[in-house]
Amino acid sequence: KLKGYERKYILRNTIGKALPSEILKAHKKGFGIPLREWFKSVEFQDKLEKLHTEDFGLNKTEIKKIIEINRNGEYDFGNFIWMLFVLKKIILN
């Protein structure tokens, strides 16, 4: 929240007095989502199987290769696999 152009106004005026000044002066930072690791996990295996077996207009063999390369850690296709999930959702719904 801002008050005028003052950043972190609420933070500074509540718990800010107890925090190190580095935190109050720090710039905003983004954070990454560990898609590659998520798609390696057992919880996603059924969804990944459906991704390369259901027909939504893309080459199933290539999708399976991409999933395997990601699972083996050869290359990070996490964002691409996420986009395939989104595309599939749009096309099939």
PDB file of N, CA and C in Angstrom:
ATOM      1  N   LYS A   1       0.841  -1.181   0.000  1.00  0.00           N
ATOM      2  CA  LYS A   1       0.000   0.000   0.000  1.00  0.00           C
ATOM      3  C   LYS A   1       0.881   1.236   0.000  1.00  0.00           C
ATOM      4  N   LEU A   2       0.400   2.254  -0.662  1.00  0.00           N
ATOM      5  CA  LEU A   2       1.134   3.513  -0.734  1.00  0.00           C
ATOM      6  C   LEU A   2       0.364   4.621  -0.033  1.00  0.00           C
ATOM      7  N   LYS A   3       1.091   5.541   0.555  1.00  0.00           N
ATOM      8  CA  LYS A   3       0.508   6.792   1.013  1.00  0.00           C
ATOM      9  C   LYS A   3       1.238   7.865   0.239  1.00  0.00           C
ATOM     10  N   GLY A   4       0.555   8.420  -0.733  1.00  0.00           N
ATOM     11  CA  GLY A   4       1.237   9.321  -1.655  1.00  0.00           C
ATOM     12  C   GLY A   4       2.230   8.513  -2.464  1.00  0.00           C
ATOM     13  N   TYR A   5       3.497   8.898  -2.408  1.00  0.00           N
ATOM     14  CA  TYR A   5       4.537   8.160  -3.129  1.00  0.00           C
ATOM     15  C   TYR A   5       5.449   7.378  -2.185  1.00  0.00           C
ATOM     16  N   GLU A   6       5.068   7.271  -0.929  1.00  0.00           N
ATOM     17  CA  GLU A   6       5.891   6.546   0.036  1.00  0.00           C
ATOM     18  C   GLU A   6       5.615   5.051  -0.060  1.00  0.00           C
ATOM     19  N   ARG A   7       6.650   4.315  -0.407  1.00  0.00           N
ATOM     20  CA  ARG A   7       6.522   2.857  -0.512  1.00  0.00           C
ATOM     21  C   ARG A   7       6.527   2.239   0.875  1.00  0.00           C
ATOM     22  N   LYS A   8       5.870   1.094   1.001  1.00  0.00           N
ATOM     23  CA  LYS A   8       5.875   0.296   2.231  1.00  0.00           C
ATOM     24  C   LYS A   8       5.362   1.088   3.435  1.00  0.00           C
ATOM     25  N   TYR A   9       4.416   1.959   3.218  1.00  0.00           N
ATOM     26  CA  TYR A   9       3.907   2.824   4.288  1.00  0.00           C
ATOM     27  C   TYR A   9       3.388   2.018   5.474  1.00  0.00           C
ATOM     28  N   ILE A  10       2.520   1.054   5.206  1.00  0.00           N
ATOM     29  CA  ILE A  10       1.932   0.269   6.298  1.00  0.00           C
ATOM     30  C   ILE A  10       3.010  -0.544   7.016  1.00  0.00           C
ATOM     31  N   LEU A  11       3.891  -1.157   6.257  1.00  0.00           N
ATOM     32  CA  LEU A  11       4.972  -1.940   6.853  1.00  0.00           C
ATOM     33  C   LEU A  11       5.841  -1.068   7.762  1.00  0.00           C
ATOM     34  N   ARG A  12       6.227   0.090   7.283  1.00  0.00           N
ATOM     35  CA  ARG A  12       7.102   0.977   8.063  1.00  0.00           C
ATOM     36  C   ARG A  12       6.438   1.423   9.365  1.00  0.00           C
ATOM     37  N   ASN A  13       5.146   1.664   9.320  1.00  0.00           N
ATOM     38  CA  ASN A  13       4.461   2.231  10.479  1.00  0.00           C
ATOM     39  C   ASN A  13       3.812   1.183  11.379  1.00  0.00           C
ATOM     40  N   THR A  14       3.999  -0.084  11.081  1.00  0.00           N
ATOM     41  CA  THR A  14       3.488  -1.130  11.966  1.00  0.00           C
ATOM     42  C   THR A  14       4.669  -1.907  12.518  1.00  0.00           C
ATOM     43  N   ILE A  15       5.067  -2.938  11.829  1.00  0.00           N
ATOM     44  CA  ILE A  15       6.154  -3.797  12.307  1.00  0.00           C
ATOM     45  C   ILE A  15       7.532  -3.286  11.873  1.00  0.00           C
ATOM     46  N   GLY A  16       7.552  -2.250  11.054  1.00  0.00           N
ATOM     47  CA  GLY A  16       8.798  -1.736  10.503  1.00  0.00           C
ATOM     48  C   GLY A  16       9.850  -1.361  11.517  1.00  0.00           C
ATOM     49  N   LYS A  17       9.412  -0.924  12.675  1.00  0.00           N
ATOM     50  CA  LYS A  17      10.382  -0.518  13.707  1.00  0.00           C
ATOM     51  C   LYS A  17      11.189  -1.699  14.242  1.00  0.00           C
ATOM     52  N   ALA A  18      10.643  -2.898  14.096  1.00  0.00           N
ATOM     53  CA  ALA A  18      11.326  -4.090  14.593  1.00  0.00           C
ATOM     54  C   ALA A  18      12.150  -4.789  13.511  1.00  0.00           C
ATOM     55  N   LEU A  19      12.036  -4.332  12.267  1.00  0.00           N
ATOM     56  CA  LEU A  19      12.744  -4.970  11.150  1.00  0.00           C
ATOM     57  C   LEU A  19      14.068  -4.283  10.871  1.00  0.00           C
ATOM     58  N   PRO A  20      15.024  -5.034  10.315  1.00  0.00           N
ATOM     59  CA  PRO A  20      16.288  -4.416   9.901  1.00  0.00           C
ATOM     60  C   PRO A  20      16.034  -3.386   8.795  1.00  0.00           C
ATOM     61  N   SER A  21      16.803  -2.334   8.792  1.00  0.00           N
ATOM     62  CA  SER A  21      16.605  -1.264   7.806  1.00  0.00           C
ATOM     63  C   SER A  21      16.801  -1.757   6.370  1.00  0.00           C
ATOM     64  N   GLU A  22      17.611  -2.824   6.173  1.00  0.00           N
ATOM     65  CA  GLU A  22      17.824  -3.364   4.822  1.00  0.00           C
ATOM     66  C   GLU A  22      16.501  -3.814   4.197  1.00  0.00           C
ATOM     67  N   ILE A  23      15.624  -4.361   5.005  1.00  0.00           N
ATOM     68  CA  ILE A  23      14.332  -4.824   4.495  1.00  0.00           C
ATOM     69  C   ILE A  23      13.476  -3.637   4.078  1.00  0.00           C
ATOM     70  N   LEU A  24      13.481  -2.603   4.888  1.00  0.00           N
ATOM     71  CA  LEU A  24      12.660  -1.434   4.580  1.00  0.00           C
ATOM     72  C   LEU A  24      13.183  -0.666   3.367  1.00  0.00           C
ATOM     73  N   LYS A  25      14.469  -0.752   3.104  1.00  0.00           N
ATOM     74  CA  LYS A  25      15.071  -0.044   1.972  1.00  0.00           C
ATOM     75  C   LYS A  25      15.152  -0.900   0.712  1.00  0.00           C
ATOM     76  N   ALA A  26      14.884  -2.191   0.839  1.00  0.00           N
ATOM     77  CA  ALA A  26      15.061  -3.118  -0.291  1.00  0.00           C
ATOM     78  C   ALA A  26      14.064  -2.837  -1.410  1.00  0.00           C
ATOM     79  N   HIS A  27      14.503  -3.067  -2.624  1.00  0.00           N
ATOM     80  CA  HIS A  27      13.637  -2.955  -3.792  1.00  0.00           C
ATOM     81  C   HIS A  27      12.737  -4.182  -3.883  1.00  0.00           C
ATOM     82  N   LYS A  28      11.675  -4.057  -4.642  1.00  0.00           N
ATOM     83  CA  LYS A  28      10.768  -5.187  -4.839  1.00  0.00           C
ATOM     84  C   LYS A  28      11.499  -6.296  -5.607  1.00  0.00           C
ATOM     85  N   LYS A  29      11.185  -7.521  -5.275  1.00  0.00           N
ATOM     86  CA  LYS A  29      11.793  -8.666  -5.950  1.00  0.00           C
ATOM     87  C   LYS A  29      10.704  -9.638  -6.346  1.00  0.00           C
ATOM     88  N   GLY A  30      10.841 -10.201  -7.517  1.00  0.00           N
ATOM     89  CA  GLY A  30       9.922 -11.245  -7.950  1.00  0.00           C
ATOM     90  C   GLY A  30      10.357 -12.586  -7.383  1.00  0.00           C
ATOM     91  N   PHE A  31       9.597 -13.597  -7.673  1.00  0.00           N
ATOM     92  CA  PHE A  31       9.986 -14.935  -7.243  1.00  0.00           C
ATOM     93  C   PHE A  31       9.639 -15.917  -8.353  1.00  0.00           C
ATOM     94  N   GLY A  32      10.441 -16.952  -8.449  1.00  0.00           N
ATOM     95  CA  GLY A  32      10.222 -17.966  -9.468  1.00  0.00           C
ATOM     96  C   GLY A  32       9.332 -19.086  -8.954  1.00  0.00           C
ATOM     97  N   ILE A  33       8.642 -19.705  -9.864  1.00  0.00           N
ATOM     98  CA  ILE A  33       7.810 -20.853  -9.526  1.00  0.00           C
ATOM     99  C   ILE A  33       8.549 -22.085 -10.030  1.00  0.00           C
ATOM    100  N   PRO A  34       8.778 -23.075  -9.181  1.00  0.00           N
ATOM    101  CA  PRO A  34       9.585 -24.240  -9.571  1.00  0.00           C
ATOM    102  C   PRO A  34       8.797 -25.248 -10.417  1.00  0.00           C
ATOM    103  N   LEU A  35       8.318 -24.808 -11.579  1.00  0.00           N
ATOM    104  CA  LEU A  35       7.505 -25.678 -12.434  1.00  0.00           C
ATOM    105  C   LEU A  35       8.242 -26.950 -12.820  1.00  0.00           C
ATOM    106  N   ARG A  36       9.519 -26.816 -13.152  1.00  0.00           N
ATOM    107  CA  ARG A  36      10.299 -27.999 -13.558  1.00  0.00           C
ATOM    108  C   ARG A  36      10.228 -29.074 -12.487  1.00  0.00           C
ATOM    109  N   GLU A  37      10.436 -28.684 -11.242  1.00  0.00           N
ATOM    110  CA  GLU A  37      10.419 -29.647 -10.145  1.00  0.00           C
ATOM    111  C   GLU A  37       9.017 -30.170  -9.883  1.00  0.00           C
ATOM    112  N   TRP A  38       8.023 -29.307  -9.977  1.00  0.00           N
ATOM    113  CA  TRP A  38       6.642 -29.755  -9.785  1.00  0.00           C
ATOM    114  C   TRP A  38       6.289 -30.836 -10.795  1.00  0.00           C
ATOM    115  N   PHE A  39       6.679 -30.617 -12.049  1.00  0.00           N
ATOM    116  CA  PHE A  39       6.319 -31.572 -13.097  1.00  0.00           C
ATOM    117  C   PHE A  39       7.141 -32.855 -13.034  1.00  0.00           C
ATOM    118  N   LYS A  40       8.161 -32.901 -12.206  1.00  0.00           N
ATOM    119  CA  LYS A  40       8.902 -34.145 -11.963  1.00  0.00           C
ATOM    120  C   LYS A  40       8.228 -34.980 -10.881  1.00  0.00           C
ATOM    121  N   SER A  41       7.390 -34.351 -10.074  1.00  0.00           N
ATOM    122  CA  SER A  41       6.822 -35.026  -8.908  1.00  0.00           C
ATOM    123  C   SER A  41       5.743 -36.041  -9.293  1.00  0.00           C
ATOM    124  N   VAL A  42       5.522 -36.972  -8.396  1.00  0.00           N
ATOM    125  CA  VAL A  42       4.545 -38.046  -8.595  1.00  0.00           C
ATOM    126  C   VAL A  42       3.130 -37.487  -8.744  1.00  0.00           C
ATOM    127  N   GLU A  43       2.838 -36.388  -8.033  1.00  0.00           N
ATOM    128  CA  GLU A  43       1.497 -35.823  -8.060  1.00  0.00           C
ATOM    129  C   GLU A  43       1.053 -35.402  -9.456  1.00  0.00           C
ATOM    130  N   PHE A  44       1.982 -35.042 -10.324  1.00  0.00           N
ATOM    131  CA  PHE A  44       1.640 -34.576 -11.660  1.00  0.00           C
ATOM    132  C   PHE A  44       1.675 -35.667 -12.726  1.00  0.00           C
ATOM    133  N   GLN A  45       2.081 -36.859 -12.395  1.00  0.00           N
ATOM    134  CA  GLN A  45       2.284 -37.886 -13.411  1.00  0.00           C
ATOM    135  C   GLN A  45       1.006 -38.216 -14.187  1.00  0.00           C
ATOM    136  N   ASP A  46      -0.123 -38.306 -13.510  1.00  0.00           N
ATOM    137  CA  ASP A  46      -1.380 -38.601 -14.212  1.00  0.00           C
ATOM    138  C   ASP A  46      -1.749 -37.475 -15.176  1.00  0.00           C
ATOM    139  N   LYS A  47      -1.576 -36.234 -14.722  1.00  0.00           N
ATOM    140  CA  LYS A  47      -1.900 -35.085 -15.577  1.00  0.00           C
ATOM    141  C   LYS A  47      -0.959 -35.006 -16.774  1.00  0.00           C
ATOM    142  N   LEU A  48       0.319 -35.292 -16.552  1.00  0.00           N
ATOM    143  CA  LEU A  48       1.286 -35.281 -17.649  1.00  0.00           C
ATOM    144  C   LEU A  48       0.995 -36.397 -18.644  1.00  0.00           C
ATOM    145  N   GLU A  49       0.561 -37.536 -18.150  1.00  0.00           N
ATOM    146  CA  GLU A  49       0.190 -38.659 -19.027  1.00  0.00           C
ATOM    147  C   GLU A  49      -0.966 -38.249 -19.939  1.00  0.00           C
ATOM    148  N   LYS A  50      -1.961 -37.604 -19.358  1.00  0.00           N
ATOM    149  CA  LYS A  50      -3.103 -37.133 -20.164  1.00  0.00           C
ATOM    150  C   LYS A  50      -2.681 -36.068 -21.158  1.00  0.00           C
ATOM    151  N   LEU A  51      -1.696 -35.255 -20.779  1.00  0.00           N
ATOM    152  CA  LEU A  51      -1.242 -34.177 -21.656  1.00  0.00           C
ATOM    153  C   LEU A  51      -0.686 -34.719 -22.960  1.00  0.00           C
ATOM    154  N   HIS A  52       0.010 -35.837 -22.905  1.00  0.00           N
ATOM    155  CA  HIS A  52       0.586 -36.357 -24.153  1.00  0.00           C
ATOM    156  C   HIS A  52      -0.224 -37.504 -24.753  1.00  0.00           C
ATOM    157  N   THR A  53      -1.345 -37.868 -24.155  1.00  0.00           N
ATOM    158  CA  THR A  53      -2.176 -38.908 -24.778  1.00  0.00           C
ATOM    159  C   THR A  53      -3.469 -38.345 -25.366  1.00  0.00           C
ATOM    160  N   GLU A  54      -3.979 -37.256 -24.803  1.00  0.00           N
ATOM    161  CA  GLU A  54      -5.202 -36.671 -25.348  1.00  0.00           C
ATOM    162  C   GLU A  54      -4.879 -35.833 -26.572  1.00  0.00           C
ATOM    163  N   ASP A  55      -5.786 -35.849 -27.530  1.00  0.00           N
ATOM    164  CA  ASP A  55      -5.565 -35.119 -28.775  1.00  0.00           C
ATOM    165  C   ASP A  55      -6.144 -33.715 -28.675  1.00  0.00           C
ATOM    166  N   PHE A  56      -5.268 -32.732 -28.708  1.00  0.00           N
ATOM    167  CA  PHE A  56      -5.731 -31.344 -28.785  1.00  0.00           C
ATOM    168  C   PHE A  56      -4.965 -30.590 -29.869  1.00  0.00           C
ATOM    169  N   GLY A  57      -4.564 -31.346 -30.906  1.00  0.00           N
ATOM    170  CA  GLY A  57      -4.014 -30.753 -32.106  1.00  0.00           C
ATOM    171  C   GLY A  57      -2.505 -30.659 -32.186  1.00  0.00           C
ATOM    172  N   LEU A  58      -1.788 -31.150 -31.203  1.00  0.00           N
ATOM    173  CA  LEU A  58      -0.327 -31.098 -31.234  1.00  0.00           C
ATOM    174  C   LEU A  58       0.244 -32.510 -31.317  1.00  0.00           C
ATOM    175  N   ASN A  59       1.498 -32.604 -31.713  1.00  0.00           N
ATOM    176  CA  ASN A  59       2.180 -33.881 -31.874  1.00  0.00           C
ATOM    177  C   ASN A  59       2.404 -34.539 -30.509  1.00  0.00           C
ATOM    178  N   LYS A  60       1.684 -35.617 -30.269  1.00  0.00           N
ATOM    179  CA  LYS A  60       1.740 -36.309 -28.977  1.00  0.00           C
ATOM    180  C   LYS A  60       3.140 -36.849 -28.672  1.00  0.00           C
ATOM    181  N   THR A  61       3.816 -37.338 -29.693  1.00  0.00           N
ATOM    182  CA  THR A  61       5.163 -37.884 -29.510  1.00  0.00           C
ATOM    183  C   THR A  61       6.135 -36.808 -29.042  1.00  0.00           C
ATOM    184  N   GLU A  62       6.046 -35.635 -29.638  1.00  0.00           N
ATOM    185  CA  GLU A  62       6.936 -34.536 -29.251  1.00  0.00           C
ATOM    186  C   GLU A  62       6.626 -34.051 -27.841  1.00  0.00           C
ATOM    187  N   ILE A  63       5.352 -33.996 -27.491  1.00  0.00           N
ATOM    188  CA  ILE A  63       4.981 -33.593 -26.130  1.00  0.00           C
ATOM    189  C   ILE A  63       5.550 -34.591 -25.131  1.00  0.00           C
ATOM    190  N   LYS A  64       5.446 -35.883 -25.449  1.00  0.00           N
ATOM    191  CA  LYS A  64       5.988 -36.906 -24.551  1.00  0.00           C
ATOM    192  C   LYS A  64       7.496 -36.732 -24.395  1.00  0.00           C
ATOM    193  N   LYS A  65       8.216 -36.433 -25.494  1.00  0.00           N
ATOM    194  CA  LYS A  65       9.665 -36.214 -25.421  1.00  0.00           C
ATOM    195  C   LYS A  65       9.997 -35.027 -24.524  1.00  0.00           C
ATOM    196  N   ILE A  66       9.242 -33.957 -24.666  1.00  0.00           N
ATOM    197  CA  ILE A  66       9.476 -32.760 -23.862  1.00  0.00           C
ATOM    198  C   ILE A  66       9.275 -33.063 -22.381  1.00  0.00           C
ATOM    199  N   ILE A  67       8.228 -33.804 -22.069  1.00  0.00           N
ATOM    200  CA  ILE A  67       7.953 -34.182 -20.680  1.00  0.00           C
ATOM    201  C   ILE A  67       9.085 -35.045 -20.126  1.00  0.00           C
ATOM    202  N   GLU A  68       9.573 -35.989 -20.924  1.00  0.00           N
ATOM    203  CA  GLU A  68      10.670 -36.860 -20.480  1.00  0.00           C
ATOM    204  C   GLU A  68      11.963 -36.085 -20.274  1.00  0.00           C
ATOM    205  N   ILE A  69      12.270 -35.168 -21.183  1.00  0.00           N
ATOM    206  CA  ILE A  69      13.484 -34.353 -21.049  1.00  0.00           C
ATOM    207  C   ILE A  69      13.413 -33.533 -19.772  1.00  0.00           C
ATOM    208  N   ASN A  70      12.239 -32.972 -19.496  1.00  0.00           N
ATOM    209  CA  ASN A  70      12.064 -32.201 -18.263  1.00  0.00           C
ATOM    210  C   ASN A  70      12.210 -33.108 -17.040  1.00  0.00           C
ATOM    211  N   ARG A  71      11.575 -34.273 -17.081  1.00  0.00           N
ATOM    212  CA  ARG A  71      11.607 -35.206 -15.946  1.00  0.00           C
ATOM    213  C   ARG A  71      13.033 -35.666 -15.657  1.00  0.00           C
ATOM    214  N   ASN A  72      13.822 -35.896 -16.714  1.00  0.00           N
ATOM    215  CA  ASN A  72      15.202 -36.362 -16.553  1.00  0.00           C
ATOM    216  C   ASN A  72      16.161 -35.240 -16.147  1.00  0.00           C
ATOM    217  N   GLY A  73      15.692 -34.001 -16.185  1.00  0.00           N
ATOM    218  CA  GLY A  73      16.537 -32.871 -15.816  1.00  0.00           C
ATOM    219  C   GLY A  73      17.497 -32.434 -16.896  1.00  0.00           C
ATOM    220  N   GLU A  74      17.270 -32.896 -18.136  1.00  0.00           N
ATOM    221  CA  GLU A  74      18.158 -32.515 -19.233  1.00  0.00           C
ATOM    222  C   GLU A  74      17.972 -31.054 -19.624  1.00  0.00           C
ATOM    223  N   TYR A  75      16.748 -30.570 -19.519  1.00  0.00           N
ATOM    224  CA  TYR A  75      16.435 -29.185 -19.885  1.00  0.00           C
ATOM    225  C   TYR A  75      15.187 -28.770 -19.111  1.00  0.00           C
ATOM    226  N   ASP A  76      15.103 -27.504 -18.781  1.00  0.00           N
ATOM    227  CA  ASP A  76      13.952 -27.006 -18.033  1.00  0.00           C
ATOM    228  C   ASP A  76      12.844 -26.588 -19.004  1.00  0.00           C
ATOM    229  N   PHE A  77      11.868 -27.481 -19.181  1.00  0.00           N
ATOM    230  CA  PHE A  77      10.700 -27.195 -20.010  1.00  0.00           C
ATOM    231  C   PHE A  77       9.483 -26.869 -19.148  1.00  0.00           C
ATOM    232  N   GLY A  78       9.685 -26.509 -17.880  1.00  0.00           N
ATOM    233  CA  GLY A  78       8.577 -26.273 -16.966  1.00  0.00           C
ATOM    234  C   GLY A  78       7.587 -25.250 -17.468  1.00  0.00           C
ATOM    235  N   ASN A  79       8.069 -24.083 -17.919  1.00  0.00           N
ATOM    236  CA  ASN A  79       7.167 -23.046 -18.424  1.00  0.00           C
ATOM    237  C   ASN A  79       6.436 -23.507 -19.677  1.00  0.00           C
ATOM    238  N   PHE A  80       7.135 -24.213 -20.545  1.00  0.00           N
ATOM    239  CA  PHE A  80       6.521 -24.694 -21.782  1.00  0.00           C
ATOM    240  C   PHE A  80       5.420 -25.719 -21.483  1.00  0.00           C
ATOM    241  N   ILE A  81       5.691 -26.617 -20.551  1.00  0.00           N
ATOM    242  CA  ILE A  81       4.679 -27.615 -20.173  1.00  0.00           C
ATOM    243  C   ILE A  81       3.469 -26.910 -19.565  1.00  0.00           C
ATOM    244  N   TRP A  82       3.710 -25.903 -18.750  1.00  0.00           N
ATOM    245  CA  TRP A  82       2.601 -25.129 -18.181  1.00  0.00           C
ATOM    246  C   TRP A  82       1.753 -24.516 -19.294  1.00  0.00           C
ATOM    247  N   MET A  83       2.425 -23.951 -20.314  1.00  0.00           N
ATOM    248  CA  MET A  83       1.694 -23.369 -21.447  1.00  0.00           C
ATOM    249  C   MET A  83       0.891 -24.429 -22.198  1.00  0.00           C
ATOM    250  N   LEU A  84       1.420 -25.652 -22.281  1.00  0.00           N
ATOM    251  CA  LEU A  84       0.666 -26.736 -22.918  1.00  0.00           C
ATOM    252  C   LEU A  84      -0.600 -27.053 -22.126  1.00  0.00           C
ATOM    253  N   PHE A  85      -0.492 -27.065 -20.793  1.00  0.00           N
ATOM    254  CA  PHE A  85      -1.678 -27.284 -19.960  1.00  0.00           C
ATOM    255  C   PHE A  85      -2.730 -26.204 -20.209  1.00  0.00           C
ATOM    256  N   VAL A  86      -2.291 -24.962 -20.275  1.00  0.00           N
ATOM    257  CA  VAL A  86      -3.213 -23.847 -20.505  1.00  0.00           C
ATOM    258  C   VAL A  86      -3.847 -23.960 -21.896  1.00  0.00           C
ATOM    259  N   LEU A  87      -3.032 -24.245 -22.903  1.00  0.00           N
ATOM    260  CA  LEU A  87      -3.543 -24.397 -24.266  1.00  0.00           C
ATOM    261  C   LEU A  87      -4.560 -25.527 -24.345  1.00  0.00           C
ATOM    262  N   LYS A  88      -4.244 -26.636 -23.730  1.00  0.00           N
ATOM    263  CA  LYS A  88      -5.158 -27.772 -23.725  1.00  0.00           C
ATOM    264  C   LYS A  88      -6.492 -27.392 -23.085  1.00  0.00           C
ATOM    265  N   LYS A  89      -6.431 -26.677 -21.979  1.00  0.00           N
ATOM    266  CA  LYS A  89      -7.628 -26.233 -21.275  1.00  0.00           C
ATOM    267  C   LYS A  89      -8.479 -25.334 -22.169  1.00  0.00           C
ATOM    268  N   ILE A  90      -7.835 -24.419 -22.880  1.00  0.00           N
ATOM    269  CA  ILE A  90      -8.559 -23.513 -23.767  1.00  0.00           C
ATOM    270  C   ILE A  90      -9.199 -24.273 -24.917  1.00  0.00           C
ATOM    271  N   ILE A  91      -8.459 -25.179 -25.525  1.00  0.00           N
ATOM    272  CA  ILE A  91      -8.947 -25.893 -26.704  1.00  0.00           C
ATOM    273  C   ILE A  91     -10.053 -26.892 -26.346  1.00  0.00           C
ATOM    274  N   LEU A  92      -9.896 -27.628 -25.272  1.00  0.00           N
ATOM    275  CA  LEU A  92     -10.840 -28.681 -24.952  1.00  0.00           C
ATOM    276  C   LEU A  92     -12.050 -28.220 -24.148  1.00  0.00           C
ATOM    277  N   ASN A  93     -12.042 -26.979 -23.679  1.00  0.00           N
ATOM    278  CA  ASN A  93     -13.198 -26.474 -22.929  1.00  0.00           C
ATOM    279  C   ASN A  93     -13.913 -25.384 -23.639  1.00  0.00           C
TER     280      ASN A  93
END
